[in-house]
Every structure is written in structure tokens, then in C-alpha cells.
Amino acid sequence: MKKILLIIILNLLWMNNSFAGIDKIKNLDSIKFILNTENTSSSGVDAGSYLCWADNNESNYSPKKIADRICHRSFSHKLYKIEKADKFKKLYKEFLSIANLSKCKGEYSKEPSKNDSLKWNNCLGYIDNGREIIIAPFKEGSYSGLGIRIDGFFSLYIGEFADDYMHGKGLMYMSADTFKDFPVEKRNSIVVEGIWEDDERVQEISRKEFQ
């Protein structure tokens, strides 16, 4: 009984520490711009916070809800705009300021002979492999620890990694405009809190519409 209780306490402590780290990342200026309703970032990126659908299924990004249209909060347009503007390099600098880690030296490359990330250790790294962007701590050539992932569908993951996988406690933000198979009125942005193992969500703690 005492052993089970100890395990529960340790798990609760781990969860609370993960929450605290995630909240710290969410408080970065770039993340706040993505997740809030502001339409112009401090670095000058301008992007609407709403995706509004017309009767013909055409859509427009807008700073505000458009009258006589079904509008949902969206952040994928902001992610797209930031990627085009600076590839999230400003976000990387902001993360460095709170990570208590030095910047990893060299560059990531798909060619193993030119890929400096294979040697990264105890530093904060940045990877753009054409499919996703990863900003996370590196240990012995793999990203492991609390970090950020923006995938090709412009979903945003803030949470834990282990050995190059989403693994541990995390939040996944999925934007309304990624749900193409849903009826327009049901294309809500959502945020899922859960536990991941090897990039798969194995436990869903909560799911809610993104307001």
C-alpha cells in the first residue's frame, strides 16, 4: 500500500513539474501571440485570429468574426505566417532565455556527414527538417526534455520529448482549418492535454474547444 501511495505521489509531482514547464513556455511572447487574439506580433507578423466560412465553403482569415459567417478561432494562419517570416527563430531565442541551456552549436542537416545535431548534448537545439520544426533540449544527439513541435499541418505541441519522440506530458493545439472532413459548423480549434508515448497519445486527460 505504501509503495502504491509513493508511486502516486511521485506521478503527481512529475505532472505538476511538467505543467509548470509547459506554462512557462506558453508565456513566451511568440506563443502568446499564436494562442491569443492579438493580430500583430511584436516582430511585425500580421495574421487574423479567426477563420470564417462562406456558404460556398470558401474561407477567409480575419482579425474579427465576419458577420453572417460561421467563424472559429484559428492559429494555423499565425503559425504559417511566422514560418514564412522567420522560421520560428525568434521563438527559439525566446526559449533560450528561459531554458537555462546554451544554444546548440552548428546546424541540423538531412545529410549525416553534415548533421551537427548528432553531436548535440546538454544544449537547446533547433531543427527544421521540411516536415516539422522542433525546438527542444538535446541529450547525446537526440531531443529529450520539454520543448515545442510545429508539424506540417500547423498543429502545435508543447510538452515532453524523449529520444526524438513526443513522450510524456503535453498539450496539442489543433486548428479549426485542419478538420477538412468535418461540417463547417463543427470545425472548432481544440486543445488536447494528455500523455504521449513514441509520438502516440496513449492517455487523454482533457479535451476542449479553443476559445
N, C-alpha and C. Protein backbone atom coordinates (compact mmCIF):
# COMPACT_ATOMS: atom_id res chain seq x y z
N MET A 1 0.83 -1.20 0.00
CA MET A 1 0.00 0.00 0.00
C MET A 1 0.87 1.27 0.00
N LYS A 2 1.92 1.25 0.85
CA LYS A 2 2.81 2.40 0.93
C LYS A 2 3.53 2.62 -0.40
N LYS A 3 3.90 1.52 -1.06
CA LYS A 3 4.60 1.62 -2.34
C LYS A 3 3.69 2.24 -3.41
N ILE A 4 2.42 1.82 -3.43
CA ILE A 4 1.46 2.37 -4.39
C ILE A 4 1.25 3.86 -4.14
N LEU A 5 1.13 4.23 -2.86
CA LEU A 5 0.95 5.63 -2.49
C LEU A 5 2.15 6.47 -2.91
N LEU A 6 3.36 5.92 -2.73
CA LEU A 6 4.58 6.63 -3.13
C LEU A 6 4.61 6.86 -4.64
N ILE A 7 4.20 5.83 -5.39
CA ILE A 7 4.16 5.94 -6.86
C ILE A 7 3.19 7.04 -7.28
N ILE A 8 2.02 7.07 -6.63
CA ILE A 8 1.01 8.10 -6.94
C ILE A 8 1.56 9.49 -6.66
N ILE A 9 2.22 9.64 -5.52
CA ILE A 9 2.79 10.95 -5.14
C ILE A 9 3.85 11.39 -6.13
N LEU A 10 4.74 10.44 -6.51
CA LEU A 10 5.79 10.76 -7.48
C LEU A 10 5.21 11.15 -8.83
N ASN A 11 4.15 10.45 -9.25
CA ASN A 11 3.49 10.78 -10.52
C ASN A 11 2.86 12.16 -10.47
N LEU A 12 2.25 12.50 -9.33
CA LEU A 12 1.65 13.82 -9.19
C LEU A 12 2.70 14.92 -9.22
N LEU A 13 3.84 14.67 -8.58
CA LEU A 13 4.93 15.65 -8.60
C LEU A 13 5.47 15.84 -10.01
N TRP A 14 5.62 14.73 -10.74
CA TRP A 14 6.08 14.79 -12.14
C TRP A 14 5.11 15.59 -12.99
N MET A 15 3.80 15.32 -12.82
CA MET A 15 2.79 16.02 -13.60
C MET A 15 2.82 17.51 -13.30
N ASN A 16 2.95 17.88 -12.01
CA ASN A 16 2.97 19.29 -11.63
C ASN A 16 4.19 20.00 -12.20
N ASN A 17 5.36 19.32 -12.16
CA ASN A 17 6.57 19.91 -12.74
C ASN A 17 6.42 20.12 -14.23
N SER A 18 5.80 19.15 -14.91
CA SER A 18 5.57 19.27 -16.35
C SER A 18 4.64 20.43 -16.66
N PHE A 19 3.57 20.55 -15.86
CA PHE A 19 2.64 21.66 -16.03
C PHE A 19 3.36 22.99 -15.91
N ALA A 20 4.20 23.11 -14.88
CA ALA A 20 4.91 24.37 -14.65
C ALA A 20 5.81 24.73 -15.82
N GLY A 21 6.51 23.73 -16.36
CA GLY A 21 7.38 23.98 -17.50
C GLY A 21 6.60 24.36 -18.74
N ILE A 22 5.47 23.68 -18.98
CA ILE A 22 4.63 23.99 -20.12
C ILE A 22 4.06 25.40 -20.00
N ASP A 23 3.61 25.76 -18.82
CA ASP A 23 3.06 27.11 -18.60
C ASP A 23 4.12 28.18 -18.86
N LYS A 24 5.36 27.89 -18.52
CA LYS A 24 6.45 28.85 -18.76
C LYS A 24 6.66 29.06 -20.26
N ILE A 25 6.59 27.98 -21.04
CA ILE A 25 6.72 28.09 -22.49
C ILE A 25 5.53 28.85 -23.07
N LYS A 26 4.34 28.57 -22.58
CA LYS A 26 3.13 29.25 -23.07
C LYS A 26 3.19 30.75 -22.82
N ASN A 27 4.01 31.18 -21.88
CA ASN A 27 4.11 32.60 -21.54
C ASN A 27 5.11 33.35 -22.42
N LEU A 28 5.80 32.65 -23.32
CA LEU A 28 6.71 33.32 -24.25
C LEU A 28 5.90 34.20 -25.20
N ASP A 29 6.46 35.35 -25.59
CA ASP A 29 5.72 36.32 -26.42
C ASP A 29 5.19 35.69 -27.71
N SER A 30 6.03 34.91 -28.39
CA SER A 30 5.61 34.31 -29.66
C SER A 30 4.47 33.33 -29.48
N ILE A 31 4.52 32.54 -28.41
CA ILE A 31 3.45 31.58 -28.13
C ILE A 31 2.17 32.32 -27.75
N LYS A 32 2.29 33.36 -26.94
CA LYS A 32 1.11 34.14 -26.56
C LYS A 32 0.45 34.75 -27.78
N PHE A 33 1.26 35.23 -28.74
CA PHE A 33 0.69 35.78 -29.97
C PHE A 33 -0.07 34.71 -30.75
N ILE A 34 0.50 33.52 -30.83
CA ILE A 34 -0.14 32.43 -31.56
C ILE A 34 -1.47 32.03 -30.91
N LEU A 35 -1.48 31.95 -29.59
CA LEU A 35 -2.64 31.40 -28.89
C LEU A 35 -3.66 32.45 -28.48
N ASN A 36 -3.30 33.73 -28.50
CA ASN A 36 -4.24 34.78 -28.12
C ASN A 36 -4.86 35.42 -29.35
N THR A 37 -5.71 36.41 -29.14
CA THR A 37 -6.44 37.03 -30.25
C THR A 37 -5.73 38.24 -30.84
N GLU A 38 -4.52 38.57 -30.35
CA GLU A 38 -3.78 39.66 -30.96
C GLU A 38 -3.51 39.33 -32.42
N ASN A 39 -3.52 40.35 -33.27
CA ASN A 39 -3.38 40.12 -34.70
C ASN A 39 -2.04 40.58 -35.27
N THR A 40 -1.26 41.31 -34.49
CA THR A 40 0.08 41.71 -34.93
C THR A 40 1.07 41.40 -33.83
N SER A 41 2.09 40.62 -34.15
CA SER A 41 3.08 40.23 -33.15
C SER A 41 4.08 41.36 -32.94
N SER A 42 4.88 41.21 -31.89
CA SER A 42 5.91 42.21 -31.60
C SER A 42 6.96 42.28 -32.69
N SER A 43 7.10 41.22 -33.48
CA SER A 43 8.06 41.23 -34.58
C SER A 43 7.43 41.67 -35.89
N GLY A 44 6.15 42.09 -35.84
CA GLY A 44 5.52 42.65 -37.02
C GLY A 44 4.71 41.69 -37.87
N VAL A 45 4.61 40.42 -37.46
CA VAL A 45 3.81 39.46 -38.22
C VAL A 45 2.33 39.79 -38.02
N ASP A 46 1.61 39.94 -39.11
CA ASP A 46 0.19 40.29 -39.06
C ASP A 46 -0.62 39.09 -39.53
N ALA A 47 -1.56 38.63 -38.73
CA ALA A 47 -2.35 37.47 -39.10
C ALA A 47 -3.66 37.45 -38.33
N GLY A 48 -4.75 37.10 -39.00
CA GLY A 48 -6.05 37.04 -38.35
C GLY A 48 -6.16 35.89 -37.37
N SER A 49 -7.01 36.08 -36.37
CA SER A 49 -7.22 35.06 -35.35
C SER A 49 -8.44 34.20 -35.61
N TYR A 50 -9.23 34.57 -36.64
CA TYR A 50 -10.45 33.82 -36.94
C TYR A 50 -10.44 33.29 -38.36
N LEU A 51 -11.06 32.13 -38.51
CA LEU A 51 -11.28 31.56 -39.83
C LEU A 51 -12.80 31.55 -40.05
N CYS A 52 -13.25 32.28 -41.07
CA CYS A 52 -14.68 32.47 -41.29
C CYS A 52 -15.09 31.85 -42.63
N TRP A 53 -16.16 31.05 -42.59
CA TRP A 53 -16.58 30.28 -43.74
C TRP A 53 -17.82 30.87 -44.39
N ALA A 54 -17.79 30.97 -45.74
CA ALA A 54 -18.95 31.42 -46.51
C ALA A 54 -19.80 30.21 -46.90
N ASP A 55 -20.99 30.48 -47.46
CA ASP A 55 -21.90 29.40 -47.83
C ASP A 55 -21.31 28.46 -48.88
N ASN A 56 -20.42 28.99 -49.72
CA ASN A 56 -19.82 28.17 -50.78
C ASN A 56 -18.58 27.43 -50.30
N ASN A 57 -18.37 27.40 -48.98
CA ASN A 57 -17.25 26.70 -48.34
C ASN A 57 -15.92 27.40 -48.56
N GLU A 58 -15.95 28.62 -49.12
CA GLU A 58 -14.74 29.43 -49.20
C GLU A 58 -14.46 30.04 -47.83
N SER A 59 -13.20 30.28 -47.54
CA SER A 59 -12.86 30.77 -46.21
C SER A 59 -11.96 32.00 -46.28
N ASN A 60 -12.00 32.77 -45.20
CA ASN A 60 -11.14 33.95 -45.06
C ASN A 60 -10.62 34.01 -43.64
N TYR A 61 -9.34 34.38 -43.51
CA TYR A 61 -8.79 34.68 -42.19
C TYR A 61 -9.10 36.13 -41.88
N SER A 62 -9.49 36.38 -40.65
CA SER A 62 -9.93 37.72 -40.29
C SER A 62 -9.52 38.05 -38.86
N PRO A 63 -9.19 39.35 -38.58
CA PRO A 63 -8.90 39.74 -37.21
C PRO A 63 -10.11 39.60 -36.29
N LYS A 64 -11.31 39.74 -36.86
CA LYS A 64 -12.53 39.63 -36.08
C LYS A 64 -13.51 38.69 -36.78
N LYS A 65 -14.54 38.31 -36.06
CA LYS A 65 -15.59 37.49 -36.67
C LYS A 65 -16.28 38.29 -37.76
N ILE A 66 -16.56 37.64 -38.88
CA ILE A 66 -17.24 38.28 -40.00
C ILE A 66 -18.73 38.02 -39.89
N ALA A 67 -19.51 39.09 -40.01
CA ALA A 67 -20.97 38.97 -39.88
C ALA A 67 -21.52 38.01 -40.93
N ASP A 68 -22.55 37.26 -40.53
CA ASP A 68 -23.25 36.31 -41.41
C ASP A 68 -22.37 35.16 -41.88
N ARG A 69 -21.31 34.88 -41.15
CA ARG A 69 -20.47 33.73 -41.46
C ARG A 69 -20.24 32.90 -40.20
N ILE A 70 -19.94 31.64 -40.41
CA ILE A 70 -19.54 30.79 -39.29
C ILE A 70 -18.04 30.98 -39.10
N CYS A 71 -17.66 31.46 -37.93
CA CYS A 71 -16.24 31.77 -37.65
C CYS A 71 -15.73 30.97 -36.47
N HIS A 72 -14.51 30.50 -36.58
CA HIS A 72 -13.86 29.77 -35.49
C HIS A 72 -12.51 30.40 -35.19
N ARG A 73 -12.14 30.33 -33.91
CA ARG A 73 -10.78 30.74 -33.55
C ARG A 73 -9.79 29.83 -34.24
N SER A 74 -8.75 30.40 -34.81
CA SER A 74 -7.74 29.61 -35.53
C SER A 74 -6.36 30.17 -35.23
N PHE A 75 -5.37 29.29 -35.20
CA PHE A 75 -4.00 29.76 -35.01
C PHE A 75 -3.05 29.23 -36.08
N SER A 76 -3.55 28.35 -36.98
CA SER A 76 -2.65 27.81 -38.00
C SER A 76 -2.17 28.89 -38.96
N HIS A 77 -3.03 29.91 -39.21
CA HIS A 77 -2.62 31.01 -40.09
C HIS A 77 -1.44 31.76 -39.48
N LYS A 78 -1.46 31.93 -38.16
CA LYS A 78 -0.34 32.60 -37.48
C LYS A 78 0.92 31.75 -37.58
N LEU A 79 0.78 30.45 -37.37
CA LEU A 79 1.94 29.56 -37.49
C LEU A 79 2.52 29.62 -38.90
N TYR A 80 1.64 29.64 -39.90
CA TYR A 80 2.08 29.73 -41.30
C TYR A 80 2.82 31.04 -41.55
N LYS A 81 2.26 32.14 -41.07
CA LYS A 81 2.86 33.46 -41.28
C LYS A 81 4.22 33.56 -40.60
N ILE A 82 4.32 33.05 -39.38
CA ILE A 82 5.59 33.10 -38.65
C ILE A 82 6.64 32.25 -39.35
N GLU A 83 6.22 31.06 -39.81
CA GLU A 83 7.17 30.20 -40.52
C GLU A 83 7.72 30.92 -41.76
N LYS A 84 6.85 31.59 -42.51
CA LYS A 84 7.29 32.31 -43.71
C LYS A 84 8.18 33.50 -43.35
N ALA A 85 7.92 34.12 -42.21
CA ALA A 85 8.66 35.32 -41.83
C ALA A 85 10.05 35.00 -41.30
N ASP A 86 10.15 34.07 -40.37
CA ASP A 86 11.48 33.83 -39.77
C ASP A 86 11.74 32.40 -39.32
N LYS A 87 10.85 31.47 -39.74
CA LYS A 87 11.05 30.04 -39.40
C LYS A 87 11.13 29.79 -37.89
N PHE A 88 10.45 30.63 -37.10
CA PHE A 88 10.38 30.49 -35.65
C PHE A 88 11.73 30.73 -34.96
N LYS A 89 12.61 31.47 -35.60
CA LYS A 89 13.90 31.77 -34.99
C LYS A 89 13.74 32.70 -33.78
N LYS A 90 12.77 33.62 -33.83
CA LYS A 90 12.51 34.49 -32.68
C LYS A 90 12.03 33.66 -31.49
N LEU A 91 11.17 32.69 -31.76
CA LEU A 91 10.70 31.80 -30.71
C LEU A 91 11.86 31.03 -30.10
N TYR A 92 12.79 30.60 -30.94
CA TYR A 92 13.98 29.88 -30.46
C TYR A 92 14.78 30.76 -29.50
N LYS A 93 14.97 32.03 -29.86
CA LYS A 93 15.70 32.95 -28.98
C LYS A 93 14.97 33.16 -27.67
N GLU A 94 13.65 33.28 -27.74
CA GLU A 94 12.86 33.45 -26.51
C GLU A 94 12.99 32.22 -25.61
N PHE A 95 12.96 31.05 -26.21
CA PHE A 95 13.07 29.81 -25.44
C PHE A 95 14.45 29.74 -24.77
N LEU A 96 15.48 30.15 -25.50
CA LEU A 96 16.84 30.15 -24.93
C LEU A 96 16.91 31.00 -23.65
N SER A 97 16.13 32.07 -23.61
CA SER A 97 16.18 32.98 -22.47
C SER A 97 15.61 32.36 -21.19
N ILE A 98 14.83 31.29 -21.30
CA ILE A 98 14.23 30.67 -20.11
C ILE A 98 14.72 29.24 -19.89
N ALA A 99 15.47 28.69 -20.85
CA ALA A 99 15.79 27.26 -20.80
C ALA A 99 16.98 26.91 -19.91
N ASN A 100 17.77 27.89 -19.53
CA ASN A 100 18.98 27.62 -18.74
C ASN A 100 19.91 26.65 -19.47
N LEU A 101 19.91 26.73 -20.81
CA LEU A 101 20.77 25.92 -21.64
C LEU A 101 21.41 26.81 -22.70
N SER A 102 22.58 26.45 -23.15
CA SER A 102 23.22 27.19 -24.22
C SER A 102 22.66 26.76 -25.57
N LYS A 103 22.87 27.58 -26.57
CA LYS A 103 22.45 27.27 -27.93
C LYS A 103 23.33 26.16 -28.49
N CYS A 104 22.71 25.16 -29.11
CA CYS A 104 23.50 24.09 -29.72
C CYS A 104 24.33 24.65 -30.87
N LYS A 105 25.55 24.18 -30.97
CA LYS A 105 26.46 24.69 -32.00
C LYS A 105 26.29 23.92 -33.31
N GLY A 106 26.41 24.65 -34.41
CA GLY A 106 26.29 24.01 -35.71
C GLY A 106 24.86 24.01 -36.20
N GLU A 107 24.58 23.20 -37.22
CA GLU A 107 23.27 23.17 -37.87
C GLU A 107 22.79 21.74 -38.05
N TYR A 108 21.47 21.60 -38.10
CA TYR A 108 20.88 20.32 -38.46
C TYR A 108 20.94 20.15 -39.98
N SER A 109 21.17 18.95 -40.45
CA SER A 109 21.16 18.65 -41.87
C SER A 109 20.63 17.23 -42.08
N LYS A 110 19.93 17.02 -43.20
CA LYS A 110 19.45 15.67 -43.52
C LYS A 110 20.60 14.75 -43.91
N GLU A 111 21.73 15.35 -44.32
CA GLU A 111 22.91 14.56 -44.67
C GLU A 111 23.70 14.24 -43.40
N PRO A 112 23.83 12.96 -43.06
CA PRO A 112 24.52 12.59 -41.81
C PRO A 112 25.91 13.20 -41.66
N SER A 113 26.65 13.30 -42.77
CA SER A 113 28.02 13.83 -42.69
C SER A 113 28.05 15.32 -42.36
N LYS A 114 26.92 16.02 -42.56
CA LYS A 114 26.84 17.46 -42.29
C LYS A 114 25.92 17.78 -41.11
N ASN A 115 25.41 16.75 -40.49
CA ASN A 115 24.41 16.94 -39.44
C ASN A 115 25.06 17.10 -38.07
N ASP A 116 25.23 18.35 -37.66
CA ASP A 116 25.87 18.62 -36.36
C ASP A 116 25.00 18.17 -35.19
N SER A 117 23.69 18.04 -35.40
CA SER A 117 22.80 17.70 -34.29
C SER A 117 23.09 16.32 -33.70
N LEU A 118 23.75 15.47 -34.46
CA LEU A 118 24.10 14.14 -33.95
C LEU A 118 25.08 14.21 -32.78
N LYS A 119 25.73 15.38 -32.63
CA LYS A 119 26.70 15.57 -31.55
C LYS A 119 26.17 16.50 -30.45
N TRP A 120 24.97 17.01 -30.63
CA TRP A 120 24.45 17.96 -29.63
C TRP A 120 24.18 17.27 -28.30
N ASN A 121 24.56 17.95 -27.22
CA ASN A 121 24.37 17.37 -25.88
C ASN A 121 24.27 18.50 -24.86
N ASN A 122 23.25 18.41 -24.02
CA ASN A 122 23.02 19.41 -22.96
C ASN A 122 22.96 20.83 -23.52
N CYS A 123 22.19 21.01 -24.58
CA CYS A 123 22.02 22.33 -25.20
C CYS A 123 20.61 22.40 -25.79
N LEU A 124 20.18 23.61 -26.14
CA LEU A 124 18.86 23.78 -26.75
C LEU A 124 19.03 23.85 -28.26
N GLY A 125 18.38 22.93 -28.96
CA GLY A 125 18.56 22.83 -30.40
C GLY A 125 17.35 23.27 -31.19
N TYR A 126 17.59 23.51 -32.47
CA TYR A 126 16.55 23.92 -33.42
C TYR A 126 16.68 23.05 -34.66
N ILE A 127 15.58 22.40 -35.06
CA ILE A 127 15.58 21.54 -36.24
C ILE A 127 14.44 21.93 -37.17
N ASP A 128 14.76 22.11 -38.44
CA ASP A 128 13.75 22.28 -39.48
C ASP A 128 14.07 21.23 -40.55
N ASN A 129 13.30 20.15 -40.56
CA ASN A 129 13.57 19.06 -41.49
C ASN A 129 12.65 19.05 -42.70
N GLY A 130 11.90 20.16 -42.88
CA GLY A 130 11.00 20.26 -44.02
C GLY A 130 9.60 19.76 -43.73
N ARG A 131 9.45 18.93 -42.71
CA ARG A 131 8.13 18.41 -42.31
C ARG A 131 7.65 19.03 -41.02
N GLU A 132 8.59 19.38 -40.17
CA GLU A 132 8.25 19.92 -38.86
C GLU A 132 9.41 20.75 -38.35
N ILE A 133 9.11 21.57 -37.36
CA ILE A 133 10.14 22.35 -36.68
C ILE A 133 10.12 21.96 -35.22
N ILE A 134 11.30 21.63 -34.71
CA ILE A 134 11.47 21.21 -33.32
C ILE A 134 12.38 22.19 -32.61
N ILE A 135 11.96 22.66 -31.45
CA ILE A 135 12.82 23.46 -30.57
C ILE A 135 12.80 22.75 -29.22
N ALA A 136 13.93 22.16 -28.83
CA ALA A 136 13.94 21.32 -27.63
C ALA A 136 15.36 21.10 -27.13
N PRO A 137 15.48 20.68 -25.87
CA PRO A 137 16.78 20.30 -25.35
C PRO A 137 17.30 19.03 -26.03
N PHE A 138 18.62 18.96 -26.20
CA PHE A 138 19.24 17.77 -26.79
C PHE A 138 20.13 17.08 -25.76
N LYS A 139 20.09 15.75 -25.80
CA LYS A 139 20.95 14.92 -24.97
C LYS A 139 21.53 13.82 -25.85
N GLU A 140 22.84 13.83 -26.00
CA GLU A 140 23.56 12.81 -26.79
C GLU A 140 22.95 12.61 -28.18
N GLY A 141 22.68 13.72 -28.85
CA GLY A 141 22.24 13.67 -30.24
C GLY A 141 20.75 13.48 -30.46
N SER A 142 19.96 13.42 -29.40
CA SER A 142 18.51 13.27 -29.53
C SER A 142 17.81 14.36 -28.73
N TYR A 143 16.66 14.81 -29.24
CA TYR A 143 15.95 15.81 -28.44
C TYR A 143 15.13 15.10 -27.36
N SER A 144 15.40 15.50 -26.13
CA SER A 144 14.78 14.91 -24.95
C SER A 144 14.60 16.00 -23.91
N GLY A 145 13.38 16.13 -23.42
CA GLY A 145 13.07 17.17 -22.46
C GLY A 145 11.87 17.97 -22.92
N LEU A 146 11.63 19.09 -22.26
CA LEU A 146 10.46 19.91 -22.54
C LEU A 146 10.72 20.82 -23.73
N GLY A 147 9.85 20.73 -24.75
CA GLY A 147 10.10 21.52 -25.95
C GLY A 147 8.84 21.81 -26.75
N ILE A 148 9.06 22.20 -28.02
CA ILE A 148 7.98 22.64 -28.92
C ILE A 148 8.12 21.92 -30.25
N ARG A 149 6.98 21.54 -30.84
CA ARG A 149 6.95 20.94 -32.16
C ARG A 149 5.83 21.56 -32.97
N ILE A 150 6.15 22.05 -34.17
CA ILE A 150 5.14 22.55 -35.11
C ILE A 150 5.20 21.64 -36.32
N ASP A 151 4.10 20.93 -36.61
CA ASP A 151 4.14 19.97 -37.70
C ASP A 151 3.62 20.56 -39.01
N GLY A 152 3.62 19.76 -40.05
CA GLY A 152 3.24 20.22 -41.38
C GLY A 152 1.78 20.59 -41.50
N PHE A 153 0.96 20.14 -40.55
CA PHE A 153 -0.47 20.51 -40.54
C PHE A 153 -0.70 21.74 -39.66
N PHE A 154 0.39 22.33 -39.19
CA PHE A 154 0.35 23.50 -38.32
C PHE A 154 -0.41 23.22 -37.03
N SER A 155 -0.18 22.03 -36.49
CA SER A 155 -0.56 21.73 -35.12
C SER A 155 0.64 22.08 -34.23
N LEU A 156 0.36 22.51 -33.03
CA LEU A 156 1.40 22.95 -32.11
C LEU A 156 1.40 22.05 -30.89
N TYR A 157 2.55 21.41 -30.62
CA TYR A 157 2.71 20.57 -29.44
C TYR A 157 3.68 21.26 -28.50
N ILE A 158 3.28 21.40 -27.25
CA ILE A 158 4.16 21.91 -26.19
C ILE A 158 4.20 20.84 -25.12
N GLY A 159 5.34 20.23 -24.93
CA GLY A 159 5.40 19.16 -23.95
C GLY A 159 6.73 18.43 -23.95
N GLU A 160 6.71 17.22 -23.47
CA GLU A 160 7.93 16.47 -23.24
C GLU A 160 8.30 15.59 -24.44
N PHE A 161 9.60 15.43 -24.62
CA PHE A 161 10.15 14.55 -25.65
C PHE A 161 11.14 13.58 -25.00
N ALA A 162 11.33 12.45 -25.66
CA ALA A 162 12.38 11.50 -25.26
C ALA A 162 12.86 10.77 -26.50
N ASP A 163 14.15 10.82 -26.74
CA ASP A 163 14.78 10.10 -27.87
C ASP A 163 14.09 10.40 -29.20
N ASP A 164 13.84 11.68 -29.47
CA ASP A 164 13.27 12.16 -30.74
C ASP A 164 11.79 11.86 -30.91
N TYR A 165 11.09 11.54 -29.82
CA TYR A 165 9.65 11.29 -29.89
C TYR A 165 8.93 12.21 -28.89
N MET A 166 7.67 12.57 -29.22
CA MET A 166 6.81 13.16 -28.20
C MET A 166 6.55 12.07 -27.17
N HIS A 167 6.94 12.33 -25.95
CA HIS A 167 6.91 11.26 -24.95
C HIS A 167 6.80 11.89 -23.56
N GLY A 168 5.63 11.73 -22.96
CA GLY A 168 5.40 12.32 -21.64
C GLY A 168 4.20 13.24 -21.67
N LYS A 169 4.16 14.15 -20.73
CA LYS A 169 3.06 15.10 -20.60
C LYS A 169 3.13 16.15 -21.70
N GLY A 170 1.97 16.49 -22.30
CA GLY A 170 1.99 17.51 -23.33
C GLY A 170 0.63 18.09 -23.64
N LEU A 171 0.66 19.22 -24.36
CA LEU A 171 -0.54 19.86 -24.88
C LEU A 171 -0.43 19.89 -26.40
N MET A 172 -1.50 19.50 -27.09
CA MET A 172 -1.54 19.56 -28.54
C MET A 172 -2.65 20.52 -28.96
N TYR A 173 -2.26 21.56 -29.70
CA TYR A 173 -3.21 22.53 -30.22
C TYR A 173 -3.46 22.21 -31.69
N MET A 174 -4.72 21.94 -32.03
CA MET A 174 -5.10 21.58 -33.39
C MET A 174 -6.09 22.60 -33.90
N SER A 175 -5.76 23.24 -35.04
CA SER A 175 -6.53 24.37 -35.51
C SER A 175 -7.76 23.94 -36.31
N ALA A 176 -8.77 24.81 -36.31
CA ALA A 176 -10.06 24.51 -36.95
C ALA A 176 -9.91 24.15 -38.42
N ASP A 177 -8.98 24.79 -39.12
CA ASP A 177 -8.87 24.59 -40.56
C ASP A 177 -8.15 23.31 -40.94
N THR A 178 -7.79 22.48 -39.95
CA THR A 178 -7.22 21.18 -40.27
C THR A 178 -8.30 20.09 -40.35
N PHE A 179 -9.52 20.43 -39.91
CA PHE A 179 -10.60 19.43 -39.89
C PHE A 179 -11.45 19.55 -41.16
N LYS A 180 -10.84 19.28 -42.29
CA LYS A 180 -11.49 19.47 -43.58
C LYS A 180 -12.68 18.54 -43.79
N ASP A 181 -12.67 17.37 -43.14
CA ASP A 181 -13.74 16.40 -43.33
C ASP A 181 -14.95 16.65 -42.44
N PHE A 182 -14.82 17.65 -41.55
CA PHE A 182 -15.93 17.96 -40.66
C PHE A 182 -16.86 18.98 -41.31
N PRO A 183 -18.16 18.96 -40.97
CA PRO A 183 -19.03 20.05 -41.41
C PRO A 183 -18.49 21.39 -40.91
N VAL A 184 -18.74 22.44 -41.66
CA VAL A 184 -18.18 23.76 -41.33
C VAL A 184 -18.47 24.17 -39.89
N GLU A 185 -19.71 23.93 -39.45
CA GLU A 185 -20.10 24.39 -38.12
C GLU A 185 -19.38 23.63 -37.00
N LYS A 186 -18.74 22.50 -37.33
CA LYS A 186 -18.04 21.71 -36.31
C LYS A 186 -16.52 21.84 -36.39
N ARG A 187 -16.03 22.73 -37.21
CA ARG A 187 -14.57 22.87 -37.37
C ARG A 187 -13.99 23.78 -36.30
N ASN A 188 -14.05 23.34 -35.08
CA ASN A 188 -13.52 24.12 -33.98
C ASN A 188 -12.06 23.76 -33.70
N SER A 189 -11.27 24.78 -33.37
CA SER A 189 -9.92 24.51 -32.88
C SER A 189 -10.04 23.85 -31.51
N ILE A 190 -9.16 22.89 -31.24
CA ILE A 190 -9.21 22.20 -29.96
C ILE A 190 -7.81 22.14 -29.34
N VAL A 191 -7.80 21.97 -28.04
CA VAL A 191 -6.54 21.71 -27.33
C VAL A 191 -6.72 20.44 -26.53
N VAL A 192 -5.79 19.51 -26.71
CA VAL A 192 -5.84 18.22 -26.04
C VAL A 192 -4.67 18.12 -25.07
N GLU A 193 -4.99 17.81 -23.85
CA GLU A 193 -3.97 17.58 -22.82
C GLU A 193 -3.87 16.08 -22.60
N GLY A 194 -2.65 15.56 -22.63
CA GLY A 194 -2.55 14.12 -22.49
C GLY A 194 -1.14 13.63 -22.24
N ILE A 195 -1.00 12.31 -22.33
CA ILE A 195 0.29 11.65 -22.18
C ILE A 195 0.63 10.99 -23.52
N TRP A 196 1.83 11.24 -23.99
CA TRP A 196 2.30 10.68 -25.26
C TRP A 196 3.38 9.63 -25.02
N GLU A 197 3.41 8.62 -25.88
CA GLU A 197 4.49 7.64 -25.89
C GLU A 197 4.88 7.39 -27.35
N ASP A 198 6.12 7.65 -27.68
CA ASP A 198 6.63 7.42 -29.04
C ASP A 198 5.73 8.05 -30.10
N ASP A 199 5.37 9.32 -29.89
CA ASP A 199 4.56 10.13 -30.81
C ASP A 199 3.08 9.77 -30.81
N GLU A 200 2.66 8.78 -30.03
CA GLU A 200 1.25 8.41 -29.97
C GLU A 200 0.65 8.87 -28.64
N ARG A 201 -0.55 9.45 -28.71
CA ARG A 201 -1.22 9.83 -27.48
C ARG A 201 -1.85 8.59 -26.85
N VAL A 202 -1.39 8.22 -25.67
CA VAL A 202 -1.86 6.99 -25.02
C VAL A 202 -2.86 7.29 -23.91
N GLN A 203 -2.92 8.53 -23.49
CA GLN A 203 -3.89 8.91 -22.46
C GLN A 203 -4.35 10.32 -22.71
N GLU A 204 -5.66 10.51 -22.73
CA GLU A 204 -6.22 11.86 -22.90
C GLU A 204 -6.73 12.33 -21.55
N ILE A 205 -6.11 13.39 -21.04
CA ILE A 205 -6.51 13.94 -19.74
C ILE A 205 -7.68 14.89 -19.90
N SER A 206 -7.64 15.72 -20.93
CA SER A 206 -8.74 16.64 -21.19
C SER A 206 -8.74 17.05 -22.65
N ARG A 207 -9.91 17.45 -23.12
CA ARG A 207 -10.07 17.96 -24.48
C ARG A 207 -11.10 19.08 -24.43
N LYS A 208 -10.76 20.22 -25.02
CA LYS A 208 -11.73 21.32 -25.00
C LYS A 208 -11.58 22.16 -26.26
N GLU A 209 -12.65 22.86 -26.57
CA GLU A 209 -12.59 23.78 -27.70
C GLU A 209 -11.68 24.94 -27.35
N PHE A 210 -10.96 25.41 -28.35
CA PHE A 210 -10.03 26.52 -28.14
C PHE A 210 -10.79 27.81 -28.35
N GLN A 211 -10.91 28.60 -27.28
CA GLN A 211 -11.68 29.84 -27.35
C GLN A 211 -10.77 31.05 -27.53
